Each structure stands twice: as structure tokens, then as C-alpha cells.
PDB file of N, CA and C in Angstrom:
ATOM      1  N   MET A   1     -64.442-142.259 112.913  1.00  0.00           N
ATOM      2  CA  MET A   1     -64.794-142.043 110.937  1.00  0.00           C
ATOM      3  C   MET A   1     -65.739-143.009 111.191  1.00  0.00           C
ATOM      4  N   GLU A   2     -66.857-143.074 109.808  1.00  0.00           N
ATOM      5  CA  GLU A   2     -68.016-144.418 109.902  1.00  0.00           C
ATOM      6  C   GLU A   2     -67.453-144.494 108.657  1.00  0.00           C
ATOM      7  N   LEU A   3     -67.606-145.807 108.470  1.00  0.00           N
ATOM      8  CA  LEU A   3     -66.827-146.309 107.448  1.00  0.00           C
ATOM      9  C   LEU A   3     -68.204-147.566 106.612  1.00  0.00           C
ATOM     10  N   ASP A   4     -69.239-147.063 105.510  1.00  0.00           N
ATOM     11  CA  ASP A   4     -70.322-147.637 104.852  1.00  0.00           C
ATOM     12  C   ASP A   4     -69.414-148.217 104.032  1.00  0.00           C
ATOM     13  N   LYS A   5     -70.897-148.783 103.926  1.00  0.00           N
ATOM     14  CA  LYS A   5     -70.687-149.556 102.519  1.00  0.00           C
ATOM     15  C   LYS A   5     -70.040-149.410 101.297  1.00  0.00           C
ATOM     16  N   PRO A   6     -70.535-148.223 100.501  1.00  0.00           N
ATOM     17  CA  PRO A   6     -70.027-147.394  99.680  1.00  0.00           C
ATOM     18  C   PRO A   6     -69.212-146.412  99.545  1.00  0.00           C
ATOM     19  N   LYS A   7     -68.357-146.435 100.817  1.00  0.00           N
ATOM     20  CA  LYS A   7     -67.142-146.105 101.311  1.00  0.00           C
ATOM     21  C   LYS A   7     -65.678-146.688 101.352  1.00  0.00           C
ATOM     22  N   LEU A   8     -66.521-148.215 101.333  1.00  0.00           N
ATOM     23  CA  LEU A   8     -65.568-149.363 101.749  1.00  0.00           C
ATOM     24  C   LEU A   8     -65.698-149.435 100.325  1.00  0.00           C
ATOM     25  N   GLU A   9     -66.386-149.725  99.686  1.00  0.00           N
ATOM     26  CA  GLU A   9     -66.515-149.675  97.795  1.00  0.00           C
ATOM     27  C   GLU A   9     -65.710-148.704  97.274  1.00  0.00           C
ATOM     28  N   HIS A  10     -65.381-147.813  97.641  1.00  0.00           N
ATOM     29  CA  HIS A  10     -65.410-146.448  96.701  1.00  0.00           C
ATOM     30  C   HIS A  10     -63.109-147.114  97.505  1.00  0.00           C
ATOM     31  N   LEU A  11     -62.870-147.109  98.874  1.00  0.00           N
ATOM     32  CA  LEU A  11     -61.891-147.247  99.242  1.00  0.00           C
ATOM     33  C   LEU A  11     -60.811-148.213  98.300  1.00  0.00           C
ATOM     34  N   ILE A  12     -61.422-149.435  98.576  1.00  0.00           N
ATOM     35  CA  ILE A  12     -60.810-151.114  97.903  1.00  0.00           C
ATOM     36  C   ILE A  12     -60.966-150.354  95.869  1.00  0.00           C
ATOM     37  N   GLU A  13     -61.589-149.734  95.781  1.00  0.00           N
ATOM     38  CA  GLU A  13     -60.958-149.926  93.960  1.00  0.00           C
ATOM     39  C   GLU A  13     -60.462-149.088  94.095  1.00  0.00           C
ATOM     40  N   HIS A  14     -60.033-148.112  95.239  1.00  0.00           N
ATOM     41  CA  HIS A  14     -59.019-146.858  94.795  1.00  0.00           C
ATOM     42  C   HIS A  14     -57.723-147.640  94.975  1.00  0.00           C
ATOM     43  N   TRP A  15     -57.395-148.527  95.711  1.00  0.00           N
ATOM     44  CA  TRP A  15     -56.457-149.537  95.981  1.00  0.00           C
ATOM     45  C   TRP A  15     -55.906-150.692  94.665  1.00  0.00           C
ATOM     46  N   VAL A  16     -57.132-150.737  94.084  1.00  0.00           N
ATOM     47  CA  VAL A  16     -56.551-151.994  93.174  1.00  0.00           C
ATOM     48  C   VAL A  16     -56.159-150.770  91.708  1.00  0.00           C
ATOM     49  N   GLU A  17     -56.898-150.111  91.610  1.00  0.00           N
ATOM     50  CA  GLU A  17     -56.521-148.644  90.495  1.00  0.00           C
ATOM     51  C   GLU A  17     -55.081-148.198  90.986  1.00  0.00           C
ATOM     52  N   HIS A  18     -54.506-148.293  92.057  1.00  0.00           N
ATOM     53  CA  HIS A  18     -53.180-148.468  92.822  1.00  0.00           C
ATOM     54  C   HIS A  18     -52.277-148.783  92.600  1.00  0.00           C
ATOM     55  N   ASN A  19     -53.121-150.512  92.504  1.00  0.00           N
ATOM     56  CA  ASN A  19     -52.097-151.540  92.544  1.00  0.00           C
ATOM     57  C   ASN A  19     -51.540-151.418  91.123  1.00  0.00           C
ATOM     58  N   ASP A  20     -52.744-151.500  90.541  1.00  0.00           N
ATOM     59  CA  ASP A  20     -52.999-151.991  88.875  1.00  0.00           C
ATOM     60  C   ASP A  20     -51.672-151.044  88.312  1.00  0.00           C
ATOM     61  N   SER A  21     -51.894-149.062  88.496  1.00  0.00           N
ATOM     62  CA  SER A  21     -50.698-148.602  87.628  1.00  0.00           C
ATOM     63  C   SER A  21     -49.403-148.692  88.581  1.00  0.00           C
ATOM     64  N   HIS A  22     -49.325-149.259  89.430  1.00  0.00           N
ATOM     65  CA  HIS A  22     -47.484-150.261  89.738  1.00  0.00           C
ATOM     66  C   HIS A  22     -47.088-150.992  89.269  1.00  0.00           C
ATOM     67  N   SER A  23     -48.038-151.844  89.634  1.00  0.00           N
ATOM     68  CA  SER A  23     -47.806-153.059  89.040  1.00  0.00           C
ATOM     69  C   SER A  23     -47.173-153.009  86.767  1.00  0.00           C
ATOM     70  N   LYS A  24     -47.614-151.847  86.645  1.00  0.00           N
ATOM     71  CA  LYS A  24     -47.883-151.654  84.483  1.00  0.00           C
ATOM     72  C   LYS A  24     -46.220-150.297  84.977  1.00  0.00           C
ATOM     73  N   SER A  25     -46.066-150.167  85.932  1.00  0.00           N
ATOM     74  CA  SER A  25     -45.065-149.144  85.572  1.00  0.00           C
ATOM     75  C   SER A  25     -43.765-150.558  86.365  1.00  0.00           C
ATOM     76  N   PHE A  26     -44.037-151.437  87.183  1.00  0.00           N
ATOM     77  CA  PHE A  26     -42.638-152.240  86.860  1.00  0.00           C
ATOM     78  C   PHE A  26     -42.515-153.706  85.722  1.00  0.00           C
ATOM     79  N   SER A  27     -43.819-153.366  85.143  1.00  0.00           N
ATOM     80  CA  SER A  27     -43.647-154.341  84.301  1.00  0.00           C
ATOM     81  C   SER A  27     -42.759-153.812  83.109  1.00  0.00           C
ATOM     82  N   GLU A  28     -43.308-151.887  82.784  1.00  0.00           N
ATOM     83  CA  GLU A  28     -42.919-151.940  81.855  1.00  0.00           C
ATOM     84  C   GLU A  28     -40.792-151.772  82.322  1.00  0.00           C
ATOM     85  N   TRP A  29     -40.839-151.046  83.491  1.00  0.00           N
ATOM     86  CA  TRP A  29     -39.364-150.777  84.311  1.00  0.00           C
ATOM     87  C   TRP A  29     -38.762-152.449  84.132  1.00  0.00           C
ATOM     88  N   ALA A  30     -39.144-153.514  84.541  1.00  0.00           N
ATOM     89  CA  ALA A  30     -38.994-154.306  84.404  1.00  0.00           C
ATOM     90  C   ALA A  30     -37.597-155.160  82.852  1.00  0.00           C
ATOM     91  N   ALA A  31     -38.818-154.763  82.105  1.00  0.00           N
ATOM     92  CA  ALA A  31     -38.572-154.427  80.510  1.00  0.00           C
ATOM     93  C   ALA A  31     -36.971-154.493  79.941  1.00  0.00           C
ATOM     94  N   LYS A  32     -37.139-153.026  80.316  1.00  0.00           N
ATOM     95  CA  LYS A  32     -35.807-151.680  80.385  1.00  0.00           C
ATOM     96  C   LYS A  32     -34.403-152.353  80.926  1.00  0.00           C
ATOM     97  N   ILE A  33     -35.329-152.752  82.261  1.00  0.00           N
ATOM     98  CA  ILE A  33     -33.357-153.187  82.821  1.00  0.00           C
ATOM     99  C   ILE A  33     -33.278-153.940  82.523  1.00  0.00           C
ATOM    100  N   GLU A  34     -34.098-155.123  82.074  1.00  0.00           N
ATOM    101  CA  GLU A  34     -34.019-156.420  81.297  1.00  0.00           C
ATOM    102  C   GLU A  34     -32.384-156.564  80.228  1.00  0.00           C
ATOM    103  N   ALA A  35     -33.277-155.016  79.028  1.00  0.00           N
ATOM    104  CA  ALA A  35     -33.102-155.015  78.607  1.00  0.00           C
ATOM    105  C   ALA A  35     -31.197-154.252  78.565  1.00  0.00           C
ATOM    106  N   ALA A  36     -31.014-153.353  79.363  1.00  0.00           N
ATOM    107  CA  ALA A  36     -30.007-153.186  79.714  1.00  0.00           C
ATOM    108  C   ALA A  36     -29.043-154.172  80.729  1.00  0.00           C
ATOM    109  N   GLY A  37     -29.653-155.664  80.585  1.00  0.00           N
ATOM    110  CA  GLY A  37     -28.408-156.123  80.586  1.00  0.00           C
ATOM    111  C   GLY A  37     -28.476-156.835  82.009  1.00  0.00           C
ATOM    112  N   TYR A  38     -30.104-156.255  82.562  1.00  0.00           N
ATOM    113  CA  TYR A  38     -29.645-156.905  84.416  1.00  0.00           C
ATOM    114  C   TYR A  38     -30.816-157.810  84.421  1.00  0.00           C
ATOM    115  N   LYS A  39     -30.660-158.948  84.306  1.00  0.00           N
ATOM    116  CA  LYS A  39     -32.439-159.854  83.677  1.00  0.00           C
ATOM    117  C   LYS A  39     -32.494-160.384  85.465  1.00  0.00           C
ATOM    118  N   GLU A  40     -31.687-160.689  86.145  1.00  0.00           N
ATOM    119  CA  GLU A  40     -31.277-161.072  87.673  1.00  0.00           C
ATOM    120  C   GLU A  40     -32.746-160.051  88.694  1.00  0.00           C
ATOM    121  N   ILE A  41     -32.591-158.478  88.152  1.00  0.00           N
ATOM    122  CA  ILE A  41     -33.021-157.598  88.888  1.00  0.00           C
ATOM    123  C   ILE A  41     -34.489-157.599  88.100  1.00  0.00           C
ATOM    124  N   SER A  42     -34.275-157.672  87.489  1.00  0.00           N
ATOM    125  CA  SER A  42     -35.718-157.776  86.005  1.00  0.00           C
ATOM    126  C   SER A  42     -36.239-158.872  86.516  1.00  0.00           C
ATOM    127  N   GLU A  43     -35.898-159.693  87.133  1.00  0.00           N
ATOM    128  CA  GLU A  43     -36.838-160.994  87.299  1.00  0.00           C
ATOM    129  C   GLU A  43     -37.159-160.771  89.149  1.00  0.00           C
ATOM    130  N   ASP A  44     -37.045-160.163  89.289  1.00  0.00           N
ATOM    131  CA  ASP A  44     -37.398-159.735  90.866  1.00  0.00           C
ATOM    132  C   ASP A  44     -37.823-158.706  90.872  1.00  0.00           C
ATOM    133  N   ILE A  45     -38.252-157.471  89.724  1.00  0.00           N
ATOM    134  CA  ILE A  45     -39.105-156.826  89.728  1.00  0.00           C
ATOM    135  C   ILE A  45     -40.550-157.411  88.875  1.00  0.00           C
ATOM    136  N   LYS A  46     -40.427-157.985  88.173  1.00  0.00           N
ATOM    137  CA  LYS A  46     -41.364-158.968  87.340  1.00  0.00           C
ATOM    138  C   LYS A  46     -42.195-159.796  88.755  1.00  0.00           C
ATOM    139  N   MET A  47     -41.235-159.672  89.182  1.00  0.00           N
ATOM    140  CA  MET A  47     -42.047-160.858  90.358  1.00  0.00           C
ATOM    141  C   MET A  47     -43.015-159.751  91.217  1.00  0.00           C
ATOM    142  N   ALA A  48     -42.599-158.830  91.999  1.00  0.00           N
ATOM    143  CA  ALA A  48     -43.323-157.996  92.546  1.00  0.00           C
ATOM    144  C   ALA A  48     -44.364-157.394  91.569  1.00  0.00           C
ATOM    145  N   ALA A  49     -44.560-157.551  90.077  1.00  0.00           N
ATOM    146  CA  ALA A  49     -45.669-156.727  89.474  1.00  0.00           C
ATOM    147  C   ALA A  49     -46.552-158.210  89.787  1.00  0.00           C
ATOM    148  N   ALA A  50     -46.716-159.229  89.692  1.00  0.00           N
ATOM    149  CA  ALA A  50     -46.875-160.594  89.743  1.00  0.00           C
ATOM    150  C   ALA A  50     -47.793-160.608  91.348  1.00  0.00           C
ATOM    151  N   LYS A  51     -46.735-160.047  92.258  1.00  0.00           N
ATOM    152  CA  LYS A  51     -47.280-159.803  93.594  1.00  0.00           C
ATOM    153  C   LYS A  51     -48.418-158.709  93.434  1.00  0.00           C
ATOM    154  N   MET A  52     -47.867-157.577  92.718  1.00  0.00           N
ATOM    155  CA  MET A  52     -49.274-156.454  92.592  1.00  0.00           C
ATOM    156  C   MET A  52     -50.357-156.798  92.387  1.00  0.00           C
ATOM    157  N   ASP A  53     -50.493-157.596  91.582  1.00  0.00           N
ATOM    158  CA  ASP A  53     -51.523-158.358  90.774  1.00  0.00           C
ATOM    159  C   ASP A  53     -52.019-159.144  91.368  1.00  0.00           C
ATOM    160  N   GLU A  54     -51.599-159.863  92.483  1.00  0.00           N
ATOM    161  CA  GLU A  54     -52.217-160.632  93.051  1.00  0.00           C
ATOM    162  C   GLU A  54     -52.643-159.980  94.555  1.00  0.00           C
ATOM    163  N   CYS A  55     -52.617-159.120  94.790  1.00  0.00           N
ATOM    164  CA  CYS A  55     -52.729-157.993  95.821  1.00  0.00           C
ATOM    165  C   CYS A  55     -54.305-157.431  95.741  1.00  0.00           C
ATOM    166  N   SER A  56     -54.093-157.174  94.143  1.00  0.00           N
ATOM    167  CA  SER A  56     -55.019-156.737  93.600  1.00  0.00           C
ATOM    168  C   SER A  56     -56.806-158.234  93.940  1.00  0.00           C
ATOM    169  N   GLU A  57     -56.557-159.048  93.170  1.00  0.00           N
ATOM    170  CA  GLU A  57     -56.885-159.922  93.189  1.00  0.00           C
ATOM    171  C   GLU A  57     -57.914-160.136  94.564  1.00  0.00           C
ATOM    172  N   LEU A  58     -57.097-159.999  95.696  1.00  0.00           N
ATOM    173  CA  LEU A  58     -57.986-160.438  96.990  1.00  0.00           C
ATOM    174  C   LEU A  58     -58.884-159.456  97.484  1.00  0.00           C
ATOM    175  N   LEU A  59     -57.872-158.049  97.078  1.00  0.00           N
ATOM    176  CA  LEU A  59     -58.864-156.661  96.851  1.00  0.00           C
ATOM    177  C   LEU A  59     -60.061-157.041  96.333  1.00  0.00           C
ATOM    178  N   LYS A  60     -60.285-157.347  95.143  1.00  0.00           N
ATOM    179  CA  LYS A  60     -61.443-157.287  94.124  1.00  0.00           C
ATOM    180  C   LYS A  60     -62.044-158.832  94.864  1.00  0.00           C
ATOM    181  N   LYS A  61     -61.809-159.627  95.941  1.00  0.00           N
ATOM    182  CA  LYS A  61     -62.294-160.874  96.488  1.00  0.00           C
ATOM    183  C   LYS A  61     -63.046-160.093  97.539  1.00  0.00           C
ATOM    184  N   ALA A  62     -62.617-159.215  98.070  1.00  0.00           N
ATOM    185  CA  ALA A  62     -63.382-158.476  99.257  1.00  0.00           C
ATOM    186  C   ALA A  62     -63.932-158.042  98.911  1.00  0.00           C
ATOM    187  N   LYS A  63     -63.796-156.929  98.331  1.00  0.00           N
ATOM    188  CA  LYS A  63     -65.004-155.922  97.529  1.00  0.00           C
ATOM    189  C   LYS A  63     -66.064-157.009  96.863  1.00  0.00           C
ATOM    190  N   HIS A  64     -66.154-158.006  96.294  1.00  0.00           N
ATOM    191  CA  HIS A  64     -66.976-158.353  95.773  1.00  0.00           C
ATOM    192  C   HIS A  64     -67.612-158.978  97.486  1.00  0.00           C
ATOM    193  N   LYS A  65     -67.496-159.559  98.635  1.00  0.00           N
ATOM    194  CA  LYS A  65     -68.385-160.023  99.758  1.00  0.00           C
ATOM    195  C   LYS A  65     -68.995-158.933  99.978  1.00  0.00           C
ATOM    196  N   LEU A  66     -68.623-157.736  99.399  1.00  0.00           N
ATOM    197  CA  LEU A  66     -69.782-156.490  99.817  1.00  0.00           C
ATOM    198  C   LEU A  66     -71.485-156.390  99.236  1.00  0.00           C
ATOM    199  N   GLU A  67     -71.093-157.323  98.084  1.00  0.00           N
ATOM    200  CA  GLU A  67     -71.621-156.847  97.426  1.00  0.00           C
ATOM    201  C   GLU A  67     -73.837-158.244  97.611  1.00  0.00           C
TER     202      GLU A  67
END
């Protein structure tokens, strides 16, 4: 498999979009879970969303290095 710069950029963009989608879903569900009375579980899911955002930032940093 040949891995050129445009292909790598596209792959990283895909990963970031995928992570952003998961982060949004985690946050939405965390709010519902907290409203249902499961605050501790909600906090863990909020943390997962934050970690997903951190992952996206690292991917963006990697993509920036391609420029």
C-alpha cells in the first residue's frame, strides 16, 4: 500500500470527523444519563468525550506537520 501525503491527510481528517461524532454523542448521552440520576457514570462519559477531543487535537497536530 502506497501512502502519499494526500491519502494521509484524508485519513487523518476522517479520524478527526469520526472522533468528533463520538465526542458529540458521548456528551449528549452524558447529559441524559445525568438527568436519569447517574451522575458518577455521566462524569466518566464526559471524561471519555474530553479524551476523544484530546485525541482529535493530536491528530490535527499530526496533520499540520504534513503541511
